[in-house]
């Protein structure tokens, strides 16, 4: 069974991630979902990925493992990774 508090946490992280991605790409936050893939952004580059990682670490006050971060393909996976990092 999925914990409701965890689901709310991941949803909140996802909403914030949408705003961060909107700042880095041409994609509006309202068009970003948990199933959005990074390779669907036409202007997504390794530089974009690193900018997002730095923004995430600053926004959420977390440290992400670079290898794990770069393996993420969908926004929902990234929200889970950030949520886990926040938990400790």
Protein backbone atom coordinates (compact mmCIF):
# COMPACT_ATOMS: atom_id res chain seq x y z
CA UNK A 1 0.00 0.00 0.00
CA UNK A 2 1.28 3.47 -0.92
CA UNK A 3 1.69 5.88 1.98
CA UNK A 4 -0.54 8.96 1.42
CA UNK A 5 2.01 11.30 3.00
CA UNK A 6 4.70 9.96 0.68
CA UNK A 7 2.45 10.45 -2.34
CA UNK A 8 1.73 14.04 -1.31
CA UNK A 9 5.46 14.66 -0.84
CA UNK A 10 6.29 13.30 -4.30
CA UNK A 11 3.46 15.35 -5.85
CA UNK A 12 4.79 18.52 -4.19
CA UNK A 13 8.32 17.75 -5.38
CA UNK A 14 7.00 17.11 -8.88
CA UNK A 15 5.23 20.49 -8.94
CA UNK A 16 8.42 22.27 -7.89
CA UNK A 17 10.45 20.31 -10.45
CA UNK A 18 8.03 21.46 -13.15
CA UNK A 19 8.78 25.07 -12.25
CA UNK A 20 12.53 24.47 -12.28
CA UNK A 21 12.35 22.75 -15.66
CA UNK A 22 10.25 25.59 -17.03
CA UNK A 23 13.10 27.96 -16.12
CA UNK A 24 15.63 25.81 -18.00
CA UNK A 25 13.61 24.79 -21.06
CA UNK A 26 10.90 26.24 -23.28
CA UNK A 27 8.32 23.86 -21.78
CA UNK A 28 5.57 25.29 -19.55
CA UNK A 29 5.27 23.69 -16.12
CA UNK A 30 1.61 22.95 -16.89
CA UNK A 31 2.72 20.62 -19.70
CA UNK A 32 5.01 18.58 -17.46
CA UNK A 33 3.76 15.38 -15.82
CA UNK A 34 5.33 12.52 -13.89
CA UNK A 35 5.62 10.62 -17.17
CA UNK A 36 7.41 13.40 -19.03
CA UNK A 37 10.73 12.14 -20.34
CA UNK A 38 13.79 14.36 -20.44
CA UNK A 39 14.54 13.24 -24.00
CA UNK A 40 11.18 14.76 -25.04
CA UNK A 41 12.58 18.27 -24.51
CA UNK A 42 13.94 19.43 -27.86
CA UNK A 43 16.49 21.71 -26.23
CA UNK A 44 17.60 19.28 -23.47
CA UNK A 45 21.39 18.94 -23.22
CA UNK A 46 23.91 17.72 -20.69
CA UNK A 47 24.29 21.35 -19.65
CA UNK A 48 20.52 21.53 -19.02
CA UNK A 49 20.73 18.37 -16.91
CA UNK A 50 23.51 19.81 -14.76
CA UNK A 51 21.70 23.14 -14.38
CA UNK A 52 18.62 21.26 -13.19
CA UNK A 53 20.64 19.19 -10.74
CA UNK A 54 22.21 22.31 -9.22
CA UNK A 55 18.77 23.97 -9.03
CA UNK A 56 17.29 20.89 -7.33
CA UNK A 57 20.09 20.69 -4.79
CA UNK A 58 19.63 24.37 -3.96
CA UNK A 59 15.84 24.34 -3.88
CA UNK A 60 15.49 21.19 -1.78
CA UNK A 61 18.76 21.43 0.17
CA UNK A 62 19.76 17.90 -0.83
CA UNK A 63 22.76 16.21 -2.42
CA UNK A 64 22.00 13.91 -5.33
CA UNK A 65 24.25 11.12 -6.51
CA UNK A 66 25.27 12.13 -10.03
CA UNK A 67 25.14 8.59 -11.37
CA UNK A 68 21.62 7.98 -10.03
CA UNK A 69 20.48 11.38 -11.26
CA UNK A 70 21.74 10.79 -14.80
CA UNK A 71 20.01 7.37 -14.94
CA UNK A 72 16.59 8.99 -14.39
CA UNK A 73 14.52 9.13 -17.55
CA UNK A 74 11.13 10.42 -16.38
CA UNK A 75 10.15 13.26 -14.11
CA UNK A 76 8.27 10.94 -11.76
CA UNK A 77 11.47 8.99 -11.17
CA UNK A 78 13.30 12.24 -10.42
CA UNK A 79 10.57 13.29 -7.96
CA UNK A 80 11.01 9.95 -6.17
CA UNK A 81 14.80 10.39 -6.10
CA UNK A 82 14.53 13.90 -4.65
CA UNK A 83 11.90 12.81 -2.14
CA UNK A 84 14.15 9.96 -0.97
CA UNK A 85 17.11 12.33 -0.67
CA UNK A 86 15.02 14.66 1.48
CA UNK A 87 14.12 11.81 3.81
CA UNK A 88 17.72 11.24 4.52
